[in-house]
Amino acid sequence: MILFEQRGALVTLRFEPPYAPDDERGYLAALDRIGDCPPGFALLAVLGGGARLSREGERAQALWFKATRAHVNDNCRAIAMVRPGASGRMTEIFGRLWNVPLAAFTDEQSARDFLAQHVAGP
């Protein structure tokens, strides 16, 4: 299941069960929408951890990271990722992609608390 939602400054992307055959296409479309977010947004990415992208999907995702890096660095206040087994290593890896406050969590409330430090009223 893919869900993209924008409420004020908070942008939420959910990619979690139940998974469906068209989730990869929906996920990549949601990434495109994140790439168009206006200045001052904060990203909450909730990733269920059970789905895998195809080789083409991985390539499209890597191209998206590259194409939107400047936009995210210039316009995003913070990124919080929620994923089973999230670790400091995950934060380190994704922290190489962007120069914004970023952290990975195993629970959504901790992620929201992190974002609240960077955006008034997420």
PDB file of N, CA and C in Angstrom:
ATOM      1  N   MET A   1       0.845  -1.168   0.000  1.00  0.00           N
ATOM      2  CA  MET A   1       0.000   0.000   0.000  1.00  0.00           C
ATOM      3  C   MET A   1       0.894   1.237   0.000  1.00  0.00           C
ATOM      4  N   ILE A   2       0.585   2.136  -0.885  1.00  0.00           N
ATOM      5  CA  ILE A   2       1.294   3.405  -0.970  1.00  0.00           C
ATOM      6  C   ILE A   2       0.314   4.511  -0.599  1.00  0.00           C
ATOM      7  N   LEU A   3       0.762   5.402   0.258  1.00  0.00           N
ATOM      8  CA  LEU A   3      -0.035   6.567   0.619  1.00  0.00           C
ATOM      9  C   LEU A   3       0.887   7.772   0.650  1.00  0.00           C
ATOM     10  N   PHE A   4       0.495   8.813  -0.072  1.00  0.00           N
ATOM     11  CA  PHE A   4       1.210  10.085  -0.045  1.00  0.00           C
ATOM     12  C   PHE A   4       0.235  11.112   0.493  1.00  0.00           C
ATOM     13  N   GLU A   5       0.675  11.864   1.491  1.00  0.00           N
ATOM     14  CA  GLU A   5      -0.201  12.851   2.116  1.00  0.00           C
ATOM     15  C   GLU A   5       0.615  14.080   2.470  1.00  0.00           C
ATOM     16  N   GLN A   6       0.039  15.242   2.233  1.00  0.00           N
ATOM     17  CA  GLN A   6       0.694  16.486   2.628  1.00  0.00           C
ATOM     18  C   GLN A   6      -0.296  17.302   3.441  1.00  0.00           C
ATOM     19  N   ARG A   7       0.087  17.569   4.689  1.00  0.00           N
ATOM     20  CA  ARG A   7      -0.716  18.386   5.599  1.00  0.00           C
ATOM     21  C   ARG A   7       0.183  19.473   6.145  1.00  0.00           C
ATOM     22  N   GLY A   8      -0.023  20.682   5.660  1.00  0.00           N
ATOM     23  CA  GLY A   8       0.854  21.771   6.053  1.00  0.00           C
ATOM     24  C   GLY A   8       2.264  21.459   5.603  1.00  0.00           C
ATOM     25  N   ALA A   9       3.204  21.596   6.512  1.00  0.00           N
ATOM     26  CA  ALA A   9       4.605  21.341   6.182  1.00  0.00           C
ATOM     27  C   ALA A   9       4.958  19.849   6.182  1.00  0.00           C
ATOM     28  N   LEU A  10       4.103  19.019   6.768  1.00  0.00           N
ATOM     29  CA  LEU A  10       4.421  17.601   6.895  1.00  0.00           C
ATOM     30  C   LEU A  10       3.994  16.812   5.659  1.00  0.00           C
ATOM     31  N   VAL A  11       4.966  16.160   5.047  1.00  0.00           N
ATOM     32  CA  VAL A  11       4.724  15.267   3.916  1.00  0.00           C
ATOM     33  C   VAL A  11       4.957  13.849   4.415  1.00  0.00           C
ATOM     34  N   THR A  12       3.963  12.982   4.220  1.00  0.00           N
ATOM     35  CA  THR A  12       4.074  11.603   4.674  1.00  0.00           C
ATOM     36  C   THR A  12       4.009  10.663   3.484  1.00  0.00           C
ATOM     37  N   LEU A  13       4.968   9.760   3.417  1.00  0.00           N
ATOM     38  CA  LEU A  13       4.983   8.695   2.424  1.00  0.00           C
ATOM     39  C   LEU A  13       4.931   7.373   3.178  1.00  0.00           C
ATOM     40  N   ARG A  14       3.926   6.570   2.877  1.00  0.00           N
ATOM     41  CA  ARG A  14       3.803   5.243   3.486  1.00  0.00           C
ATOM     42  C   ARG A  14       3.917   4.186   2.385  1.00  0.00           C
ATOM     43  N   PHE A  15       4.777   3.217   2.631  1.00  0.00           N
ATOM     44  CA  PHE A  15       4.942   2.071   1.745  1.00  0.00           C
ATOM     45  C   PHE A  15       4.965   0.862   2.667  1.00  0.00           C
ATOM     46  N   GLU A  16       3.784   0.310   2.904  1.00  0.00           N
ATOM     47  CA  GLU A  16       3.661  -0.743   3.912  1.00  0.00           C
ATOM     48  C   GLU A  16       2.571  -1.738   3.534  1.00  0.00           C
ATOM     49  N   PRO A  17       2.490  -2.857   4.248  1.00  0.00           N
ATOM     50  CA  PRO A  17       1.472  -3.865   3.943  1.00  0.00           C
ATOM     51  C   PRO A  17       0.067  -3.300   4.089  1.00  0.00           C
ATOM     52  N   PRO A  18      -0.862  -3.858   3.375  1.00  0.00           N
ATOM     53  CA  PRO A  18      -0.711  -4.970   2.425  1.00  0.00           C
ATOM     54  C   PRO A  18      -0.108  -4.467   1.108  1.00  0.00           C
ATOM     55  N   TYR A  19       0.869  -5.210   0.590  1.00  0.00           N
ATOM     56  CA  TYR A  19       1.534  -4.837  -0.645  1.00  0.00           C
ATOM     57  C   TYR A  19       0.680  -5.258  -1.835  1.00  0.00           C
ATOM     58  N   ALA A  20       0.774  -4.489  -2.900  1.00  0.00           N
ATOM     59  CA  ALA A  20      -0.005  -4.742  -4.110  1.00  0.00           C
ATOM     60  C   ALA A  20       0.915  -4.705  -5.323  1.00  0.00           C
ATOM     61  N   PRO A  21       0.506  -5.309  -6.422  1.00  0.00           N
ATOM     62  CA  PRO A  21       1.356  -5.360  -7.604  1.00  0.00           C
ATOM     63  C   PRO A  21       1.767  -3.991  -8.160  1.00  0.00           C
ATOM     64  N   ASP A  22       0.945  -2.983  -7.977  1.00  0.00           N
ATOM     65  CA  ASP A  22       1.257  -1.655  -8.530  1.00  0.00           C
ATOM     66  C   ASP A  22       1.951  -0.730  -7.524  1.00  0.00           C
ATOM     67  N   ASP A  23       2.401  -1.276  -6.397  1.00  0.00           N
ATOM     68  CA  ASP A  23       3.037  -0.443  -5.371  1.00  0.00           C
ATOM     69  C   ASP A  23       4.320   0.224  -5.856  1.00  0.00           C
ATOM     70  N   GLU A  24       5.111  -0.474  -6.650  1.00  0.00           N
ATOM     71  CA  GLU A  24       6.356   0.132  -7.120  1.00  0.00           C
ATOM     72  C   GLU A  24       6.057   1.387  -7.934  1.00  0.00           C
ATOM     73  N   ARG A  25       5.117   1.290  -8.832  1.00  0.00           N
ATOM     74  CA  ARG A  25       4.736   2.449  -9.644  1.00  0.00           C
ATOM     75  C   ARG A  25       4.220   3.575  -8.750  1.00  0.00           C
ATOM     76  N   GLY A  26       3.407   3.246  -7.761  1.00  0.00           N
ATOM     77  CA  GLY A  26       2.882   4.248  -6.836  1.00  0.00           C
ATOM     78  C   GLY A  26       3.966   4.882  -5.983  1.00  0.00           C
ATOM     79  N   TYR A  27       4.934   4.075  -5.561  1.00  0.00           N
ATOM     80  CA  TYR A  27       6.053   4.578  -4.765  1.00  0.00           C
ATOM     81  C   TYR A  27       6.888   5.567  -5.580  1.00  0.00           C
ATOM     82  N   LEU A  28       7.211   5.211  -6.802  1.00  0.00           N
ATOM     83  CA  LEU A  28       8.010   6.094  -7.652  1.00  0.00           C
ATOM     84  C   LEU A  28       7.253   7.383  -7.971  1.00  0.00           C
ATOM     85  N   ALA A  29       5.938   7.279  -8.149  1.00  0.00           N
ATOM     86  CA  ALA A  29       5.128   8.484  -8.381  1.00  0.00           C
ATOM     87  C   ALA A  29       5.130   9.372  -7.136  1.00  0.00           C
ATOM     88  N   ALA A  30       5.083   8.761  -5.958  1.00  0.00           N
ATOM     89  CA  ALA A  30       5.134   9.537  -4.706  1.00  0.00           C
ATOM     90  C   ALA A  30       6.482  10.234  -4.563  1.00  0.00           C
ATOM     91  N   LEU A  31       7.555   9.573  -4.965  1.00  0.00           N
ATOM     92  CA  LEU A  31       8.867  10.223  -4.927  1.00  0.00           C
ATOM     93  C   LEU A  31       8.863  11.472  -5.809  1.00  0.00           C
ATOM     94  N   ASP A  32       8.256  11.359  -6.991  1.00  0.00           N
ATOM     95  CA  ASP A  32       8.167  12.526  -7.877  1.00  0.00           C
ATOM     96  C   ASP A  32       7.424  13.672  -7.198  1.00  0.00           C
ATOM     97  N   ARG A  33       6.378  13.346  -6.470  1.00  0.00           N
ATOM     98  CA  ARG A  33       5.621  14.390  -5.761  1.00  0.00           C
ATOM     99  C   ARG A  33       6.466  15.029  -4.660  1.00  0.00           C
ATOM    100  N   ILE A  34       7.277  14.235  -3.986  1.00  0.00           N
ATOM    101  CA  ILE A  34       8.173  14.796  -2.967  1.00  0.00           C
ATOM    102  C   ILE A  34       9.153  15.759  -3.625  1.00  0.00           C
ATOM    103  N   GLY A  35       9.609  15.408  -4.801  1.00  0.00           N
ATOM    104  CA  GLY A  35      10.526  16.269  -5.534  1.00  0.00           C
ATOM    105  C   GLY A  35       9.929  17.606  -5.933  1.00  0.00           C
ATOM    106  N   ASP A  36       8.599  17.709  -5.867  1.00  0.00           N
ATOM    107  CA  ASP A  36       7.902  18.954  -6.197  1.00  0.00           C
ATOM    108  C   ASP A  36       7.406  19.712  -4.965  1.00  0.00           C
ATOM    109  N   CYS A  37       7.699  19.236  -3.777  1.00  0.00           N
ATOM    110  CA  CYS A  37       7.195  19.883  -2.564  1.00  0.00           C
ATOM    111  C   CYS A  37       7.779  21.287  -2.418  1.00  0.00           C
ATOM    112  N   PRO A  38       6.962  22.202  -1.908  1.00  0.00           N
ATOM    113  CA  PRO A  38       7.427  23.582  -1.735  1.00  0.00           C
ATOM    114  C   PRO A  38       8.407  23.709  -0.573  1.00  0.00           C
ATOM    115  N   PRO A  39       9.107  24.833  -0.502  1.00  0.00           N
ATOM    116  CA  PRO A  39      10.073  25.041   0.580  1.00  0.00           C
ATOM    117  C   PRO A  39       9.450  24.897   1.967  1.00  0.00           C
ATOM    118  N   GLY A  40      10.248  24.366   2.882  1.00  0.00           N
ATOM    119  CA  GLY A  40       9.830  24.272   4.276  1.00  0.00           C
ATOM    120  C   GLY A  40       9.151  22.972   4.655  1.00  0.00           C
ATOM    121  N   PHE A  41       9.151  21.977   3.785  1.00  0.00           N
ATOM    122  CA  PHE A  41       8.476  20.724   4.127  1.00  0.00           C
ATOM    123  C   PHE A  41       9.379  19.834   4.976  1.00  0.00           C
ATOM    124  N   ALA A  42       8.756  18.909   5.688  1.00  0.00           N
ATOM    125  CA  ALA A  42       9.454  17.865   6.440  1.00  0.00           C
ATOM    126  C   ALA A  42       8.881  16.538   5.968  1.00  0.00           C
ATOM    127  N   LEU A  43       9.726  15.542   5.831  1.00  0.00           N
ATOM    128  CA  LEU A  43       9.310  14.256   5.281  1.00  0.00           C
ATOM    129  C   LEU A  43       9.292  13.172   6.342  1.00  0.00           C
ATOM    130  N   LEU A  44       8.153  12.495   6.441  1.00  0.00           N
ATOM    131  CA  LEU A  44       8.000  11.303   7.272  1.00  0.00           C
ATOM    132  C   LEU A  44       7.819  10.137   6.309  1.00  0.00           C
ATOM    133  N   ALA A  45       8.792   9.240   6.250  1.00  0.00           N
ATOM    134  CA  ALA A  45       8.734   8.073   5.374  1.00  0.00           C
ATOM    135  C   ALA A  45       8.542   6.834   6.233  1.00  0.00           C
ATOM    136  N   VAL A  46       7.394   6.188   6.080  1.00  0.00           N
ATOM    137  CA  VAL A  46       7.074   4.985   6.841  1.00  0.00           C
ATOM    138  C   VAL A  46       7.169   3.809   5.881  1.00  0.00           C
ATOM    139  N   LEU A  47       8.198   2.987   6.081  1.00  0.00           N
ATOM    140  CA  LEU A  47       8.511   1.903   5.158  1.00  0.00           C
ATOM    141  C   LEU A  47       8.370   0.577   5.884  1.00  0.00           C
ATOM    142  N   GLY A  48       7.450  -0.250   5.407  1.00  0.00           N
ATOM    143  CA  GLY A  48       7.162  -1.511   6.074  1.00  0.00           C
ATOM    144  C   GLY A  48       8.284  -2.521   6.039  1.00  0.00           C
ATOM    145  N   GLY A  49       9.196  -2.369   5.083  1.00  0.00           N
ATOM    146  CA  GLY A  49      10.356  -3.245   5.044  1.00  0.00           C
ATOM    147  C   GLY A  49      10.151  -4.574   4.360  1.00  0.00           C
ATOM    148  N   GLY A  50       8.937  -4.897   3.938  1.00  0.00           N
ATOM    149  CA  GLY A  50       8.703  -6.203   3.333  1.00  0.00           C
ATOM    150  C   GLY A  50       8.736  -6.214   1.826  1.00  0.00           C
ATOM    151  N   ALA A  51       8.565  -5.079   1.193  1.00  0.00           N
ATOM    152  CA  ALA A  51       8.518  -5.017  -0.267  1.00  0.00           C
ATOM    153  C   ALA A  51       9.907  -4.719  -0.823  1.00  0.00           C
ATOM    154  N   ARG A  52      10.148  -5.196  -2.005  1.00  0.00           N
ATOM    155  CA  ARG A  52      11.409  -4.950  -2.701  1.00  0.00           C
ATOM    156  C   ARG A  52      11.096  -4.325  -4.051  1.00  0.00           C
ATOM    157  N   LEU A  53      11.949  -3.407  -4.466  1.00  0.00           N
ATOM    158  CA  LEU A  53      11.813  -2.821  -5.786  1.00  0.00           C
ATOM    159  C   LEU A  53      12.481  -3.728  -6.815  1.00  0.00           C
ATOM    160  N   SER A  54      11.970  -3.686  -8.033  1.00  0.00           N
ATOM    161  CA  SER A  54      12.609  -4.402  -9.129  1.00  0.00           C
ATOM    162  C   SER A  54      13.935  -3.716  -9.454  1.00  0.00           C
ATOM    163  N   ARG A  55      14.717  -4.311 -10.303  1.00  0.00           N
ATOM    164  CA  ARG A  55      15.975  -3.698 -10.724  1.00  0.00           C
ATOM    165  C   ARG A  55      15.703  -2.334 -11.362  1.00  0.00           C
ATOM    166  N   GLU A  56      14.663  -2.263 -12.186  1.00  0.00           N
ATOM    167  CA  GLU A  56      14.295  -0.998 -12.816  1.00  0.00           C
ATOM    168  C   GLU A  56      13.818   0.021 -11.780  1.00  0.00           C
ATOM    169  N   GLY A  57      13.084  -0.457 -10.786  1.00  0.00           N
ATOM    170  CA  GLY A  57      12.633   0.416  -9.713  1.00  0.00           C
ATOM    171  C   GLY A  57      13.786   0.969  -8.894  1.00  0.00           C
ATOM    172  N   GLU A  58      14.764   0.125  -8.604  1.00  0.00           N
ATOM    173  CA  GLU A  58      15.959   0.566  -7.877  1.00  0.00           C
ATOM    174  C   GLU A  58      16.697   1.634  -8.681  1.00  0.00           C
ATOM    175  N   ARG A  59      16.796   1.425  -9.977  1.00  0.00           N
ATOM    176  CA  ARG A  59      17.467   2.398 -10.837  1.00  0.00           C
ATOM    177  C   ARG A  59      16.710   3.715 -10.851  1.00  0.00           C
ATOM    178  N   ALA A  60      15.389   3.635 -10.993  1.00  0.00           N
ATOM    179  CA  ALA A  60      14.566   4.859 -10.997  1.00  0.00           C
ATOM    180  C   ALA A  60      14.696   5.596  -9.667  1.00  0.00           C
ATOM    181  N   GLN A  61      14.722   4.856  -8.571  1.00  0.00           N
ATOM    182  CA  GLN A  61      14.883   5.478  -7.251  1.00  0.00           C
ATOM    183  C   GLN A  61      16.245   6.169  -7.147  1.00  0.00           C
ATOM    184  N   ALA A  62      17.298   5.514  -7.608  1.00  0.00           N
ATOM    185  CA  ALA A  62      18.639   6.106  -7.557  1.00  0.00           C
ATOM    186  C   ALA A  62      18.698   7.371  -8.413  1.00  0.00           C
ATOM    187  N   LEU A  63      18.065   7.339  -9.571  1.00  0.00           N
ATOM    188  CA  LEU A  63      18.027   8.528 -10.426  1.00  0.00           C
ATOM    189  C   LEU A  63      17.238   9.645  -9.762  1.00  0.00           C
ATOM    190  N   TRP A  64      16.168   9.284  -9.037  1.00  0.00           N
ATOM    191  CA  TRP A  64      15.377  10.289  -8.314  1.00  0.00           C
ATOM    192  C   TRP A  64      16.239  10.942  -7.224  1.00  0.00           C
ATOM    193  N   PHE A  65      16.969  10.122  -6.461  1.00  0.00           N
ATOM    194  CA  PHE A  65      17.847  10.685  -5.424  1.00  0.00           C
ATOM    195  C   PHE A  65      18.788  11.710  -6.037  1.00  0.00           C
ATOM    196  N   LYS A  66      19.395  11.347  -7.145  1.00  0.00           N
ATOM    197  CA  LYS A  66      20.350  12.237  -7.804  1.00  0.00           C
ATOM    198  C   LYS A  66      19.672  13.502  -8.341  1.00  0.00           C
ATOM    199  N   ALA A  67      18.538  13.334  -9.002  1.00  0.00           N
ATOM    200  CA  ALA A  67      17.849  14.462  -9.636  1.00  0.00           C
ATOM    201  C   ALA A  67      17.266  15.452  -8.633  1.00  0.00           C
ATOM    202  N   THR A  68      16.890  14.979  -7.454  1.00  0.00           N
ATOM    203  CA  THR A  68      16.199  15.847  -6.491  1.00  0.00           C
ATOM    204  C   THR A  68      17.072  16.240  -5.299  1.00  0.00           C
ATOM    205  N   ARG A  69      18.305  15.844  -5.318  1.00  0.00           N
ATOM    206  CA  ARG A  69      19.176  16.114  -4.169  1.00  0.00           C
ATOM    207  C   ARG A  69      19.221  17.604  -3.813  1.00  0.00           C
ATOM    208  N   ALA A  70      19.440  18.459  -4.783  1.00  0.00           N
ATOM    209  CA  ALA A  70      19.518  19.898  -4.505  1.00  0.00           C
ATOM    210  C   ALA A  70      18.182  20.421  -3.993  1.00  0.00           C
ATOM    211  N   HIS A  71      17.074  19.961  -4.589  1.00  0.00           N
ATOM    212  CA  HIS A  71      15.752  20.414  -4.149  1.00  0.00           C
ATOM    213  C   HIS A  71      15.505  20.037  -2.688  1.00  0.00           C
ATOM    214  N   VAL A  72      15.801  18.787  -2.343  1.00  0.00           N
ATOM    215  CA  VAL A  72      15.583  18.342  -0.965  1.00  0.00           C
ATOM    216  C   VAL A  72      16.505  19.119  -0.022  1.00  0.00           C
ATOM    217  N   ASN A  73      17.772  19.250  -0.373  1.00  0.00           N
ATOM    218  CA  ASN A  73      18.711  19.987   0.483  1.00  0.00           C
ATOM    219  C   ASN A  73      18.265  21.429   0.703  1.00  0.00           C
ATOM    220  N   ASP A  74      17.718  22.054  -0.328  1.00  0.00           N
ATOM    221  CA  ASP A  74      17.324  23.464  -0.242  1.00  0.00           C
ATOM    222  C   ASP A  74      15.952  23.686   0.379  1.00  0.00           C
ATOM    223  N   ASN A  75      15.074  22.681   0.318  1.00  0.00           N
ATOM    224  CA  ASN A  75      13.679  22.913   0.688  1.00  0.00           C
ATOM    225  C   ASN A  75      13.136  22.065   1.828  1.00  0.00           C
ATOM    226  N   CYS A  76      13.825  21.015   2.195  1.00  0.00           N
ATOM    227  CA  CYS A  76      13.339  20.115   3.239  1.00  0.00           C
ATOM    228  C   CYS A  76      13.992  20.467   4.575  1.00  0.00           C
ATOM    229  N   ARG A  77      13.185  20.574   5.616  1.00  0.00           N
ATOM    230  CA  ARG A  77      13.705  20.906   6.946  1.00  0.00           C
ATOM    231  C   ARG A  77      14.263  19.702   7.683  1.00  0.00           C
ATOM    232  N   ALA A  78      13.667  18.525   7.451  1.00  0.00           N
ATOM    233  CA  ALA A  78      14.116  17.308   8.143  1.00  0.00           C
ATOM    234  C   ALA A  78      13.448  16.101   7.508  1.00  0.00           C
ATOM    235  N   ILE A  79      14.087  14.953   7.676  1.00  0.00           N
ATOM    236  CA  ILE A  79      13.550  13.679   7.194  1.00  0.00           C
ATOM    237  C   ILE A  79      13.594  12.677   8.342  1.00  0.00           C
ATOM    238  N   ALA A  80      12.472  12.022   8.572  1.00  0.00           N
ATOM    239  CA  ALA A  80      12.401  10.944   9.563  1.00  0.00           C
ATOM    240  C   ALA A  80      11.890   9.700   8.851  1.00  0.00           C
ATOM    241  N   MET A  81      12.629   8.616   8.997  1.00  0.00           N
ATOM    242  CA  MET A  81      12.244   7.345   8.394  1.00  0.00           C
ATOM    243  C   MET A  81      11.838   6.377   9.493  1.00  0.00           C
ATOM    244  N   VAL A  82      10.772   5.644   9.245  1.00  0.00           N
ATOM    245  CA  VAL A  82      10.300   4.616  10.171  1.00  0.00           C
ATOM    246  C   VAL A  82      10.378   3.296   9.422  1.00  0.00           C
ATOM    247  N   ARG A  83      11.098   2.362  10.002  1.00  0.00           N
ATOM    248  CA  ARG A  83      11.272   1.071   9.343  1.00  0.00           C
ATOM    249  C   ARG A  83      11.605   0.023  10.398  1.00  0.00           C
ATOM    250  N   PRO A  84      11.079  -1.185  10.252  1.00  0.00           N
ATOM    251  CA  PRO A  84      11.464  -2.245  11.187  1.00  0.00           C
ATOM    252  C   PRO A  84      12.981  -2.433  11.154  1.00  0.00           C
ATOM    253  N   GLY A  85      13.584  -2.511  12.299  1.00  0.00           N
ATOM    254  CA  GLY A  85      15.022  -2.714  12.371  1.00  0.00           C
ATOM    255  C   GLY A  85      15.851  -1.485  12.035  1.00  0.00           C
ATOM    256  N   ALA A  86      15.223  -0.305  12.023  1.00  0.00           N
ATOM    257  CA  ALA A  86      15.958   0.931  11.731  1.00  0.00           C
ATOM    258  C   ALA A  86      17.127   1.063  12.694  1.00  0.00           C
ATOM    259  N   SER A  87      18.233   1.596  12.161  1.00  0.00           N
ATOM    260  CA  SER A  87      19.437   1.690  12.983  1.00  0.00           C
ATOM    261  C   SER A  87      20.212   2.959  12.662  1.00  0.00           C
ATOM    262  N   GLY A  88      21.232   3.189  13.451  1.00  0.00           N
ATOM    263  CA  GLY A  88      22.121   4.303  13.191  1.00  0.00           C
ATOM    264  C   GLY A  88      22.811   4.161  11.850  1.00  0.00           C
ATOM    265  N   ARG A  89      23.055   2.949  11.426  1.00  0.00           N
ATOM    266  CA  ARG A  89      23.670   2.698  10.117  1.00  0.00           C
ATOM    267  C   ARG A  89      22.765   3.212   8.999  1.00  0.00           C
ATOM    268  N   MET A  90      21.477   2.991   9.135  1.00  0.00           N
ATOM    269  CA  MET A  90      20.523   3.483   8.135  1.00  0.00           C
ATOM    270  C   MET A  90      20.567   5.010   8.083  1.00  0.00           C
ATOM    271  N   THR A  91      20.611   5.644   9.239  1.00  0.00           N
ATOM    272  CA  THR A  91      20.706   7.104   9.298  1.00  0.00           C
ATOM    273  C   THR A  91      21.988   7.567   8.615  1.00  0.00           C
ATOM    274  N   GLU A  92      23.078   6.862   8.870  1.00  0.00           N
ATOM    275  CA  GLU A  92      24.368   7.214   8.262  1.00  0.00           C
ATOM    276  C   GLU A  92      24.310   7.103   6.734  1.00  0.00           C
ATOM    277  N   ILE A  93      23.751   6.020   6.230  1.00  0.00           N
ATOM    278  CA  ILE A  93      23.676   5.812   4.780  1.00  0.00           C
ATOM    279  C   ILE A  93      22.822   6.880   4.113  1.00  0.00           C
ATOM    280  N   PHE A  94      21.619   7.102   4.626  1.00  0.00           N
ATOM    281  CA  PHE A  94      20.737   8.096   4.009  1.00  0.00           C
ATOM    282  C   PHE A  94      21.230   9.515   4.264  1.00  0.00           C
ATOM    283  N   GLY A  95      21.965   9.709   5.348  1.00  0.00           N
ATOM    284  CA  GLY A  95      22.535  11.014   5.637  1.00  0.00           C
ATOM    285  C   GLY A  95      23.565  11.447   4.604  1.00  0.00           C
ATOM    286  N   ARG A  96      24.115  10.495   3.878  1.00  0.00           N
ATOM    287  CA  ARG A  96      25.057  10.821   2.795  1.00  0.00           C
ATOM    288  C   ARG A  96      24.333  11.395   1.582  1.00  0.00           C
ATOM    289  N   LEU A  97      23.047  11.129   1.472  1.00  0.00           N
ATOM    290  CA  LEU A  97      22.280  11.608   0.325  1.00  0.00           C
ATOM    291  C   LEU A  97      21.889  13.072   0.461  1.00  0.00           C
ATOM    292  N   TRP A  98      21.563  13.479   1.671  1.00  0.00           N
ATOM    293  CA  TRP A  98      21.041  14.829   1.880  1.00  0.00           C
ATOM    294  C   TRP A  98      21.753  15.513   3.046  1.00  0.00           C
ATOM    295  N   ASN A  99      21.778  16.829   2.995  1.00  0.00           N
ATOM    296  CA  ASN A  99      22.380  17.640   4.062  1.00  0.00           C
ATOM    297  C   ASN A  99      21.286  18.304   4.891  1.00  0.00           C
ATOM    298  N   VAL A 100      20.346  17.500   5.352  1.00  0.00           N
ATOM    299  CA  VAL A 100      19.275  17.989   6.220  1.00  0.00           C
ATOM    300  C   VAL A 100      19.251  17.085   7.447  1.00  0.00           C
ATOM    301  N   PRO A 101      18.693  17.554   8.556  1.00  0.00           N
ATOM    302  CA  PRO A 101      18.565  16.660   9.714  1.00  0.00           C
ATOM    303  C   PRO A 101      17.786  15.410   9.313  1.00  0.00           C
ATOM    304  N   LEU A 102      18.324  14.247   9.629  1.00  0.00           N
ATOM    305  CA  LEU A 102      17.725  12.991   9.213  1.00  0.00           C
ATOM    306  C   LEU A 102      17.952  11.951  10.298  1.00  0.00           C
ATOM    307  N   ALA A 103      16.938  11.148  10.556  1.00  0.00           N
ATOM    308  CA  ALA A 103      17.069  10.074  11.539  1.00  0.00           C
ATOM    309  C   ALA A 103      16.127   8.942  11.173  1.00  0.00           C
ATOM    310  N   ALA A 104      16.500   7.731  11.585  1.00  0.00           N
ATOM    311  CA  ALA A 104      15.682   6.538  11.349  1.00  0.00           C
ATOM    312  C   ALA A 104      15.183   6.008  12.690  1.00  0.00           C
ATOM    313  N   PHE A 105      13.942   5.547  12.687  1.00  0.00           N
ATOM    314  CA  PHE A 105      13.278   5.094  13.912  1.00  0.00           C
ATOM    315  C   PHE A 105      12.533   3.793  13.651  1.00  0.00           C
ATOM    316  N   THR A 106      12.261   3.072  14.723  1.00  0.00           N
ATOM    317  CA  THR A 106      11.434   1.874  14.607  1.00  0.00           C
ATOM    318  C   THR A 106       9.977   2.164  14.920  1.00  0.00           C
ATOM    319  N   ASP A 107       9.683   3.355  15.455  1.00  0.00           N
ATOM    320  CA  ASP A 107       8.292   3.688  15.753  1.00  0.00           C
ATOM    321  C   ASP A 107       7.957   5.090  15.237  1.00  0.00           C
ATOM    322  N   GLU A 108       6.728   5.230  14.810  1.00  0.00           N
ATOM    323  CA  GLU A 108       6.291   6.467  14.177  1.00  0.00           C
ATOM    324  C   GLU A 108       6.244   7.650  15.138  1.00  0.00           C
ATOM    325  N   GLN A 109       5.874   7.440  16.375  1.00  0.00           N
ATOM    326  CA  GLN A 109       5.795   8.570  17.305  1.00  0.00           C
ATOM    327  C   GLN A 109       7.160   9.202  17.535  1.00  0.00           C
ATOM    328  N   SER A 110       8.197   8.396  17.654  1.00  0.00           N
ATOM    329  CA  SER A 110       9.551   8.947  17.808  1.00  0.00           C
ATOM    330  C   SER A 110       9.944   9.757  16.577  1.00  0.00           C
ATOM    331  N   ALA A 111       9.559   9.274  15.414  1.00  0.00           N
ATOM    332  CA  ALA A 111       9.854  10.004  14.177  1.00  0.00           C
ATOM    333  C   ALA A 111       9.121  11.342  14.157  1.00  0.00           C
ATOM    334  N   ARG A 112       7.866  11.337  14.560  1.00  0.00           N
ATOM    335  CA  ARG A 112       7.096  12.583  14.607  1.00  0.00           C
ATOM    336  C   ARG A 112       7.685  13.556  15.630  1.00  0.00           C
ATOM    337  N   ASP A 113       8.147  13.040  16.749  1.00  0.00           N
ATOM    338  CA  ASP A 113       8.774  13.887  17.760  1.00  0.00           C
ATOM    339  C   ASP A 113      10.051  14.539  17.203  1.00  0.00           C
ATOM    340  N   PHE A 114      10.817  13.766  16.446  1.00  0.00           N
ATOM    341  CA  PHE A 114      12.022  14.284  15.806  1.00  0.00           C
ATOM    342  C   PHE A 114      11.663  15.419  14.848  1.00  0.00           C
ATOM    343  N   LEU A 115      10.665  15.206  14.014  1.00  0.00           N
ATOM    344  CA  LEU A 115      10.267  16.227  13.042  1.00  0.00           C
ATOM    345  C   LEU A 115       9.742  17.472  13.739  1.00  0.00           C
ATOM    346  N   ALA A 116       9.063  17.301  14.867  1.00  0.00           N
ATOM    347  CA  ALA A 116       8.520  18.446  15.603  1.00  0.00           C
ATOM    348  C   ALA A 116       9.631  19.386  16.065  1.00  0.00           C
ATOM    349  N   GLN A 117      10.817  18.871  16.250  1.00  0.00           N
ATOM    350  CA  GLN A 117      11.956  19.715  16.638  1.00  0.00           C
ATOM    351  C   GLN A 117      12.399  20.631  15.500  1.00  0.00           C
ATOM    352  N   HIS A 118      12.032  20.268  14.278  1.00  0.00           N
ATOM    353  CA  HIS A 118      12.508  21.010  13.110  1.00  0.00           C
ATOM    354  C   HIS A 118      11.413  21.788  12.376  1.00  0.00           C
ATOM    355  N   VAL A 119      10.167  21.460  12.659  1.00  0.00           N
ATOM    356  CA  VAL A 119       9.037  22.122  12.010  1.00  0.00           C
ATOM    357  C   VAL A 119       7.982  22.390  13.078  1.00  0.00           C
ATOM    358  N   ALA A 120       7.542  23.602  13.180  1.00  0.00           N
ATOM    359  CA  ALA A 120       6.506  23.920  14.162  1.00  0.00           C
ATOM    360  C   ALA A 120       5.205  23.220  13.783  1.00  0.00           C
ATOM    361  N   GLY A 121       4.692  22.399  14.682  1.00  0.00           N
ATOM    362  CA  GLY A 121       3.390  21.776  14.521  1.00  0.00           C
ATOM    363  C   GLY A 121       3.247  20.755  13.423  1.00  0.00           C
ATOM    364  N   PRO A 122       4.180  19.744  13.290  1.00  0.00           N
ATOM    365  CA  PRO A 122       3.943  18.734  12.263  1.00  0.00           C
ATOM    366  C   PRO A 122       2.811  17.868  12.685  1.00  0.00           C
TER     367      PRO A 122
END
